[in-house]
Amino acid sequence: MDEPVDDPAYAIAKEMVEQATANATSALLADAEVISKVRAKSADASYTDNGADGPEGSGRGTNGSGDREPGLSPHRQLNPDMACIREKQLSYAWPSSEGFVPERGIEALEEYFKLYPLHPIWKYSIMLVKNVGREYLYQVWFAQPTRRKPLANPTAHLFYEMSTSTDPVTVKMKVEHRIMVYRPQEVPFTERWLWEVVDEKNRVRKQLSEFKFRRTMEGAYDNEPESDPGTESE
């Protein structure tokens, strides 16, 4: 179909479509880059303690000058032993579908997470949230409880789906609200996912707090009574 040459509306619509296509392409490339980074860094991204217990300890995850090393959690440094740990994660024997029960899925996830050197600051709980036919959906809830804050907030959630339609079971996982779906046999668990989720939530909470503060201040000024010109002293 020929394009109308002198139609301004058509030109504007065409530009909007091209911009939307470019944005969608950029989003897909960004997701692909995330996957690539996860695959690359998980090959050697084991962590060792480096400082006081908790992410607020001094010197955690820094390069000595106080700056955090790129791509690392705030309290750990790279450890060459991760290659061995990663191989154990990738080769982990997930349970057979024969005689599978929901409790066996929880046990398998507990065994799987024990393969990773998760820092003691993280506590997690596993529960079955949905079972439809041969599909079992498990939620792994991660938090950082302390004596002062036993109900830690924010938290991070991972979802693992096990399908007994194959033997052994087919396992897929996703990180909380993210779109990407991974297979533990290809992309092993890494603590960095948890820190990324917590950082995102903290950033949103901070922005909401600042927004509410500005609205409160604006409301206070808007409700301030105006002075009566007739009562002002001459």
C-alpha atoms as a PDB file:
ATOM      1  CA  MET A   1       0.000   0.000   0.000  1.00  0.00           C
ATOM      2  CA  ASP A   2       1.337   3.436  -0.957  1.00  0.00           C
ATOM      3  CA  GLU A   3       2.113   5.819   1.860  1.00  0.00           C
ATOM      4  CA  PRO A   4       0.234   9.157   1.843  1.00  0.00           C
ATOM      5  CA  VAL A   5       2.950  11.699   1.205  1.00  0.00           C
ATOM      6  CA  ASP A   6       1.437  14.858   2.640  1.00  0.00           C
ATOM      7  CA  ASP A   7      -0.608  13.435   5.533  1.00  0.00           C
ATOM      8  CA  PRO A   8       0.783  14.799   8.846  1.00  0.00           C
ATOM      9  CA  ALA A   9      -1.352  12.399  10.903  1.00  0.00           C
ATOM     10  CA  TYR A  10       0.094   9.421   9.066  1.00  0.00           C
ATOM     11  CA  ALA A  11       3.648  10.675   9.641  1.00  0.00           C
ATOM     12  CA  ILE A  12       2.997  11.094  13.356  1.00  0.00           C
ATOM     13  CA  ALA A  13       1.398   7.636  13.644  1.00  0.00           C
ATOM     14  CA  LYS A  14       4.291   6.049  11.757  1.00  0.00           C
ATOM     15  CA  GLU A  15       6.811   7.713  14.062  1.00  0.00           C
ATOM     16  CA  MET A  16       4.924   6.459  17.145  1.00  0.00           C
ATOM     17  CA  VAL A  17       4.873   2.886  15.808  1.00  0.00           C
ATOM     18  CA  GLU A  18       8.588   2.990  15.051  1.00  0.00           C
ATOM     19  CA  GLN A  19       9.323   4.331  18.534  1.00  0.00           C
ATOM     20  CA  ALA A  20       7.199   1.618  20.164  1.00  0.00           C
ATOM     21  CA  THR A  21       8.998  -1.041  18.117  1.00  0.00           C
ATOM     22  CA  ALA A  22      12.367   0.349  19.142  1.00  0.00           C
ATOM     23  CA  ASN A  23      11.355   0.349  22.827  1.00  0.00           C
ATOM     24  CA  ALA A  24      10.160  -3.270  22.632  1.00  0.00           C
ATOM     25  CA  THR A  25      13.402  -4.303  20.956  1.00  0.00           C
ATOM     26  CA  SER A  26      15.446  -2.565  23.637  1.00  0.00           C
ATOM     27  CA  ALA A  27      13.482  -4.376  26.361  1.00  0.00           C
ATOM     28  CA  LEU A  28      14.122  -7.756  24.742  1.00  0.00           C
ATOM     29  CA  LEU A  29      17.826  -6.983  24.398  1.00  0.00           C
ATOM     30  CA  ALA A  30      17.959  -5.949  28.057  1.00  0.00           C
ATOM     31  CA  ASP A  31      16.381  -9.261  29.133  1.00  0.00           C
ATOM     32  CA  ALA A  32      18.862 -11.147  26.968  1.00  0.00           C
ATOM     33  CA  GLU A  33      21.724  -9.218  28.564  1.00  0.00           C
ATOM     34  CA  VAL A  34      20.471 -10.127  32.043  1.00  0.00           C
ATOM     35  CA  ILE A  35      20.378 -13.804  31.119  1.00  0.00           C
ATOM     36  CA  SER A  36      23.872 -13.574  29.664  1.00  0.00           C
ATOM     37  CA  LYS A  37      25.217 -11.949  32.831  1.00  0.00           C
ATOM     38  CA  VAL A  38      23.553 -14.552  35.033  1.00  0.00           C
ATOM     39  CA  ARG A  39      25.081 -17.374  33.007  1.00  0.00           C
ATOM     40  CA  ALA A  40      28.534 -15.771  32.926  1.00  0.00           C
ATOM     41  CA  LYS A  41      28.765 -14.697  36.548  1.00  0.00           C
ATOM     42  CA  SER A  42      27.251 -17.845  38.012  1.00  0.00           C
ATOM     43  CA  ALA A  43      30.266 -19.757  36.676  1.00  0.00           C
ATOM     44  CA  ASP A  44      32.599 -18.230  39.249  1.00  0.00           C
ATOM     45  CA  ALA A  45      30.431 -16.209  41.606  1.00  0.00           C
ATOM     46  CA  SER A  46      30.754 -18.007  44.917  1.00  0.00           C
ATOM     47  CA  TYR A  47      31.042 -15.750  47.919  1.00  0.00           C
ATOM     48  CA  THR A  48      33.001 -15.610  51.155  1.00  0.00           C
ATOM     49  CA  ASP A  49      32.337 -13.485  54.209  1.00  0.00           C
ATOM     50  CA  ASN A  50      34.011 -10.102  54.315  1.00  0.00           C
ATOM     51  CA  GLY A  51      33.240  -8.022  57.373  1.00  0.00           C
ATOM     52  CA  ALA A  52      30.593  -7.714  60.063  1.00  0.00           C
ATOM     53  CA  ASP A  53      27.472  -9.831  60.005  1.00  0.00           C
ATOM     54  CA  GLY A  54      24.725  -8.186  57.983  1.00  0.00           C
ATOM     55  CA  PRO A  55      24.676  -5.989  54.890  1.00  0.00           C
ATOM     56  CA  GLU A  56      25.236  -2.861  56.965  1.00  0.00           C
ATOM     57  CA  GLY A  57      28.661  -3.987  58.182  1.00  0.00           C
ATOM     58  CA  SER A  58      31.631  -1.885  57.130  1.00  0.00           C
ATOM     59  CA  GLY A  59      33.754  -3.117  54.285  1.00  0.00           C
ATOM     60  CA  ARG A  60      31.237  -5.650  53.012  1.00  0.00           C
ATOM     61  CA  GLY A  61      31.369  -6.236  49.296  1.00  0.00           C
ATOM     62  CA  THR A  62      33.808  -3.380  48.776  1.00  0.00           C
ATOM     63  CA  ASN A  63      37.106  -3.086  47.007  1.00  0.00           C
ATOM     64  CA  GLY A  64      38.908  -1.635  50.024  1.00  0.00           C
ATOM     65  CA  SER A  65      37.960   1.956  49.318  1.00  0.00           C
ATOM     66  CA  GLY A  66      34.355   1.555  50.423  1.00  0.00           C
ATOM     67  CA  ASP A  67      32.980   1.112  46.903  1.00  0.00           C
ATOM     68  CA  ARG A  68      30.988  -2.016  46.168  1.00  0.00           C
ATOM     69  CA  GLU A  69      32.452  -4.351  43.605  1.00  0.00           C
ATOM     70  CA  PRO A  70      30.188  -4.396  40.539  1.00  0.00           C
ATOM     71  CA  GLY A  71      27.760  -7.322  40.400  1.00  0.00           C
ATOM     72  CA  LEU A  72      28.422  -8.529  43.965  1.00  0.00           C
ATOM     73  CA  SER A  73      26.143  -8.685  46.976  1.00  0.00           C
ATOM     74  CA  PRO A  74      26.931  -6.034  49.606  1.00  0.00           C
ATOM     75  CA  HIS A  75      28.723  -8.454  51.901  1.00  0.00           C
ATOM     76  CA  ARG A  76      30.649 -10.969  49.805  1.00  0.00           C
ATOM     77  CA  GLN A  77      33.565 -11.372  47.446  1.00  0.00           C
ATOM     78  CA  LEU A  78      34.181 -13.778  44.598  1.00  0.00           C
ATOM     79  CA  ASN A  79      35.405 -17.250  45.501  1.00  0.00           C
ATOM     80  CA  PRO A  80      37.042 -19.592  42.969  1.00  0.00           C
ATOM     81  CA  ASP A  81      35.276 -22.595  44.539  1.00  0.00           C
ATOM     82  CA  MET A  82      32.017 -21.540  42.856  1.00  0.00           C
ATOM     83  CA  ALA A  83      32.843 -23.533  39.737  1.00  0.00           C
ATOM     84  CA  CYS A  84      32.586 -26.750  41.758  1.00  0.00           C
ATOM     85  CA  ILE A  85      29.423 -25.575  43.532  1.00  0.00           C
ATOM     86  CA  ARG A  86      27.851 -24.594  40.230  1.00  0.00           C
ATOM     87  CA  GLU A  87      28.516 -28.029  38.788  1.00  0.00           C
ATOM     88  CA  LYS A  88      26.812 -29.611  41.788  1.00  0.00           C
ATOM     89  CA  GLN A  89      23.800 -27.346  41.274  1.00  0.00           C
ATOM     90  CA  LEU A  90      23.557 -28.106  37.563  1.00  0.00           C
ATOM     91  CA  SER A  91      23.922 -31.852  38.091  1.00  0.00           C
ATOM     92  CA  TYR A  92      21.544 -32.032  41.058  1.00  0.00           C
ATOM     93  CA  ALA A  93      19.240 -35.075  40.750  1.00  0.00           C
ATOM     94  CA  TRP A  94      15.675 -33.810  40.971  1.00  0.00           C
ATOM     95  CA  PRO A  95      13.159 -36.361  42.287  1.00  0.00           C
ATOM     96  CA  SER A  96      11.429 -38.975  40.183  1.00  0.00           C
ATOM     97  CA  SER A  97       7.839 -38.372  39.173  1.00  0.00           C
ATOM     98  CA  GLU A  98       6.916 -41.901  40.258  1.00  0.00           C
ATOM     99  CA  GLY A  99       5.213 -41.738  43.642  1.00  0.00           C
ATOM    100  CA  PHE A 100       5.808 -37.968  43.825  1.00  0.00           C
ATOM    101  CA  VAL A 101       4.099 -36.183  46.726  1.00  0.00           C
ATOM    102  CA  PRO A 102       4.124 -32.443  47.603  1.00  0.00           C
ATOM    103  CA  GLU A 103       6.394 -33.046  50.612  1.00  0.00           C
ATOM    104  CA  ARG A 104       9.022 -34.597  48.321  1.00  0.00           C
ATOM    105  CA  GLY A 105       9.177 -31.344  46.347  1.00  0.00           C
ATOM    106  CA  ILE A 106       9.881 -29.354  49.518  1.00  0.00           C
ATOM    107  CA  GLU A 107      12.604 -31.808  50.533  1.00  0.00           C
ATOM    108  CA  ALA A 108      14.199 -31.567  47.080  1.00  0.00           C
ATOM    109  CA  LEU A 109      14.300 -27.760  47.231  1.00  0.00           C
ATOM    110  CA  GLU A 110      15.834 -27.837  50.712  1.00  0.00           C
ATOM    111  CA  GLU A 111      18.542 -30.202  49.462  1.00  0.00           C
ATOM    112  CA  TYR A 112      19.115 -28.002  46.413  1.00  0.00           C
ATOM    113  CA  PHE A 113      19.589 -24.797  48.424  1.00  0.00           C
ATOM    114  CA  LYS A 114      22.042 -26.534  50.756  1.00  0.00           C
ATOM    115  CA  LEU A 115      24.397 -26.846  47.765  1.00  0.00           C
ATOM    116  CA  TYR A 116      24.817 -23.060  47.682  1.00  0.00           C
ATOM    117  CA  PRO A 117      26.881 -21.184  50.322  1.00  0.00           C
ATOM    118  CA  LEU A 118      24.035 -18.864  51.278  1.00  0.00           C
ATOM    119  CA  HIS A 119      25.053 -16.303  53.862  1.00  0.00           C
ATOM    120  CA  PRO A 120      23.557 -17.001  57.341  1.00  0.00           C
ATOM    121  CA  ILE A 121      21.844 -13.612  57.315  1.00  0.00           C
ATOM    122  CA  TRP A 122      19.293 -15.084  54.911  1.00  0.00           C
ATOM    123  CA  LYS A 123      16.514 -17.277  56.287  1.00  0.00           C
ATOM    124  CA  TYR A 124      14.065 -19.013  54.016  1.00  0.00           C
ATOM    125  CA  SER A 125      10.849 -20.978  54.117  1.00  0.00           C
ATOM    126  CA  ILE A 126       9.393 -23.283  51.441  1.00  0.00           C
ATOM    127  CA  MET A 127       5.708 -23.928  50.946  1.00  0.00           C
ATOM    128  CA  LEU A 128       3.392 -25.403  48.340  1.00  0.00           C
ATOM    129  CA  VAL A 129       1.084 -22.660  47.041  1.00  0.00           C
ATOM    130  CA  LYS A 130      -0.672 -24.402  44.161  1.00  0.00           C
ATOM    131  CA  ASN A 131      -1.291 -27.911  42.827  1.00  0.00           C
ATOM    132  CA  VAL A 132      -3.182 -28.450  39.573  1.00  0.00           C
ATOM    133  CA  GLY A 133      -3.043 -31.960  38.206  1.00  0.00           C
ATOM    134  CA  ARG A 134       0.612 -32.839  37.610  1.00  0.00           C
ATOM    135  CA  GLU A 135       1.836 -29.289  38.254  1.00  0.00           C
ATOM    136  CA  TYR A 136       3.168 -28.253  41.674  1.00  0.00           C
ATOM    137  CA  LEU A 137       4.066 -24.629  42.410  1.00  0.00           C
ATOM    138  CA  TYR A 138       6.343 -23.894  45.376  1.00  0.00           C
ATOM    139  CA  GLN A 139       7.184 -20.520  46.885  1.00  0.00           C
ATOM    140  CA  VAL A 140      10.556 -19.943  48.558  1.00  0.00           C
ATOM    141  CA  TRP A 141      10.347 -16.935  50.874  1.00  0.00           C
ATOM    142  CA  PHE A 142      13.679 -15.271  51.767  1.00  0.00           C
ATOM    143  CA  ALA A 143      14.116 -12.698  54.529  1.00  0.00           C
ATOM    144  CA  GLN A 144      16.769 -11.172  56.808  1.00  0.00           C
ATOM    145  CA  PRO A 145      15.229 -11.311  60.298  1.00  0.00           C
ATOM    146  CA  THR A 146      17.110  -9.783  63.217  1.00  0.00           C
ATOM    147  CA  ARG A 147      16.431  -9.428  66.939  1.00  0.00           C
ATOM    148  CA  ARG A 148      15.266  -5.870  66.418  1.00  0.00           C
ATOM    149  CA  LYS A 149      13.227  -6.733  63.310  1.00  0.00           C
ATOM    150  CA  PRO A 150      12.088 -10.374  63.467  1.00  0.00           C
ATOM    151  CA  LEU A 151       9.575  -9.675  60.679  1.00  0.00           C
ATOM    152  CA  ALA A 152      12.080  -8.484  58.119  1.00  0.00           C
ATOM    153  CA  ASN A 153      10.929  -6.242  55.311  1.00  0.00           C
ATOM    154  CA  PRO A 154      11.410  -6.223  52.377  1.00  0.00           C
ATOM    155  CA  THR A 155      11.600  -9.878  51.420  1.00  0.00           C
ATOM    156  CA  ALA A 156      12.407 -11.796  48.248  1.00  0.00           C
ATOM    157  CA  HIS A 157      10.421 -14.656  46.729  1.00  0.00           C
ATOM    158  CA  LEU A 158      11.377 -17.372  44.279  1.00  0.00           C
ATOM    159  CA  PHE A 159       8.854 -19.640  42.601  1.00  0.00           C
ATOM    160  CA  TYR A 160       9.650 -23.203  41.546  1.00  0.00           C
ATOM    161  CA  GLU A 161       7.273 -25.179  39.366  1.00  0.00           C
ATOM    162  CA  MET A 162       7.614 -28.968  39.257  1.00  0.00           C
ATOM    163  CA  SER A 163       5.852 -31.030  36.617  1.00  0.00           C
ATOM    164  CA  THR A 164       5.484 -34.784  37.077  1.00  0.00           C
ATOM    165  CA  SER A 165       4.567 -35.312  33.426  1.00  0.00           C
ATOM    166  CA  THR A 166       8.213 -36.330  32.849  1.00  0.00           C
ATOM    167  CA  ASP A 167      10.664 -38.499  34.754  1.00  0.00           C
ATOM    168  CA  PRO A 168      12.481 -37.029  36.583  1.00  0.00           C
ATOM    169  CA  VAL A 169      10.269 -34.030  37.246  1.00  0.00           C
ATOM    170  CA  THR A 170      10.680 -30.948  35.077  1.00  0.00           C
ATOM    171  CA  VAL A 171      11.638 -27.906  37.151  1.00  0.00           C
ATOM    172  CA  LYS A 172      11.235 -24.241  36.216  1.00  0.00           C
ATOM    173  CA  MET A 173      11.764 -21.164  38.359  1.00  0.00           C
ATOM    174  CA  LYS A 174      11.201 -17.425  38.263  1.00  0.00           C
ATOM    175  CA  VAL A 175      12.307 -14.572  40.463  1.00  0.00           C
ATOM    176  CA  GLU A 176       9.274 -12.933  42.068  1.00  0.00           C
ATOM    177  CA  HIS A 177       7.694 -10.362  39.704  1.00  0.00           C
ATOM    178  CA  ARG A 178      10.132 -10.845  36.832  1.00  0.00           C
ATOM    179  CA  ILE A 179       9.068 -12.237  33.473  1.00  0.00           C
ATOM    180  CA  MET A 180      12.018 -14.497  32.751  1.00  0.00           C
ATOM    181  CA  VAL A 181      11.657 -18.223  33.478  1.00  0.00           C
ATOM    182  CA  TYR A 182      14.804 -20.289  34.181  1.00  0.00           C
ATOM    183  CA  ARG A 183      15.627 -23.962  34.423  1.00  0.00           C
ATOM    184  CA  PRO A 184      17.826 -24.861  37.416  1.00  0.00           C
ATOM    185  CA  GLN A 185      19.576 -27.416  35.196  1.00  0.00           C
ATOM    186  CA  GLU A 186      20.803 -24.511  33.031  1.00  0.00           C
ATOM    187  CA  VAL A 187      20.887 -21.438  35.306  1.00  0.00           C
ATOM    188  CA  PRO A 188      21.712 -22.263  38.940  1.00  0.00           C
ATOM    189  CA  PHE A 189      20.515 -20.294  41.928  1.00  0.00           C
ATOM    190  CA  THR A 190      22.586 -17.289  42.984  1.00  0.00           C
ATOM    191  CA  GLU A 191      22.245 -15.045  46.013  1.00  0.00           C
ATOM    192  CA  ARG A 192      22.551 -11.999  43.772  1.00  0.00           C
ATOM    193  CA  TRP A 193      18.922 -12.448  42.715  1.00  0.00           C
ATOM    194  CA  LEU A 194      17.799 -11.899  46.299  1.00  0.00           C
ATOM    195  CA  TRP A 195      19.823  -8.731  46.717  1.00  0.00           C
ATOM    196  CA  GLU A 196      18.528  -7.341  43.425  1.00  0.00           C
ATOM    197  CA  VAL A 197      14.908  -7.870  44.502  1.00  0.00           C
ATOM    198  CA  VAL A 198      15.499  -6.330  47.934  1.00  0.00           C
ATOM    199  CA  ASP A 199      17.333  -3.355  46.409  1.00  0.00           C
ATOM    200  CA  GLU A 200      14.478  -2.763  43.969  1.00  0.00           C
ATOM    201  CA  LYS A 201      11.900  -2.823  46.761  1.00  0.00           C
ATOM    202  CA  ASN A 202      13.962  -0.512  48.956  1.00  0.00           C
ATOM    203  CA  ARG A 203      14.286   1.929  46.082  1.00  0.00           C
ATOM    204  CA  VAL A 204      10.526   1.928  45.476  1.00  0.00           C
ATOM    205  CA  ARG A 205       9.788   2.337  49.199  1.00  0.00           C
ATOM    206  CA  LYS A 206      12.149   5.304  49.355  1.00  0.00           C
ATOM    207  CA  GLN A 207      10.493   6.937  46.349  1.00  0.00           C
ATOM    208  CA  LEU A 208       7.028   6.398  47.863  1.00  0.00           C
ATOM    209  CA  SER A 209       8.141   7.864  51.188  1.00  0.00           C
ATOM    210  CA  GLU A 210       9.546  10.956  49.463  1.00  0.00           C
ATOM    211  CA  PHE A 211       6.352  11.323  47.429  1.00  0.00           C
ATOM    212  CA  LYS A 212       4.138  11.055  50.518  1.00  0.00           C
ATOM    213  CA  PHE A 213       6.335  13.589  52.338  1.00  0.00           C
ATOM    214  CA  ARG A 214       6.033  16.088  49.471  1.00  0.00           C
ATOM    215  CA  ARG A 215       2.254  15.614  49.326  1.00  0.00           C
ATOM    216  CA  THR A 216       2.004  16.129  53.083  1.00  0.00           C
ATOM    217  CA  MET A 217       4.033  19.325  52.916  1.00  0.00           C
ATOM    218  CA  GLU A 218       2.033  20.616  49.950  1.00  0.00           C
ATOM    219  CA  GLY A 219      -1.205  19.881  51.831  1.00  0.00           C
ATOM    220  CA  ALA A 220       0.059  21.739  54.894  1.00  0.00           C
ATOM    221  CA  TYR A 221       0.794  24.853  52.823  1.00  0.00           C
ATOM    222  CA  ASP A 222      -2.511  24.580  50.946  1.00  0.00           C
ATOM    223  CA  ASN A 223      -4.477  24.422  54.206  1.00  0.00           C
ATOM    224  CA  GLU A 224      -2.662  27.371  55.780  1.00  0.00           C
ATOM    225  CA  PRO A 225      -5.287  30.080  56.545  1.00  0.00           C
ATOM    226  CA  GLU A 226      -4.941  33.244  54.564  1.00  0.00           C
ATOM    227  CA  SER A 227      -4.494  36.450  56.519  1.00  0.00           C
ATOM    228  CA  ASP A 228      -7.366  38.963  56.496  1.00  0.00           C
ATOM    229  CA  PRO A 229      -6.203  42.247  54.944  1.00  0.00           C
ATOM    230  CA  GLY A 230      -8.597  44.168  57.189  1.00  0.00           C
ATOM    231  CA  THR A 231      -6.901  42.898  60.351  1.00  0.00           C
ATOM    232  CA  GLU A 232      -3.389  43.754  59.308  1.00  0.00           C
ATOM    233  CA  SER A 233      -1.810  46.612  61.192  1.00  0.00           C
ATOM    234  CA  GLU A 234      -1.368  49.766  59.275  1.00  0.00           C
END
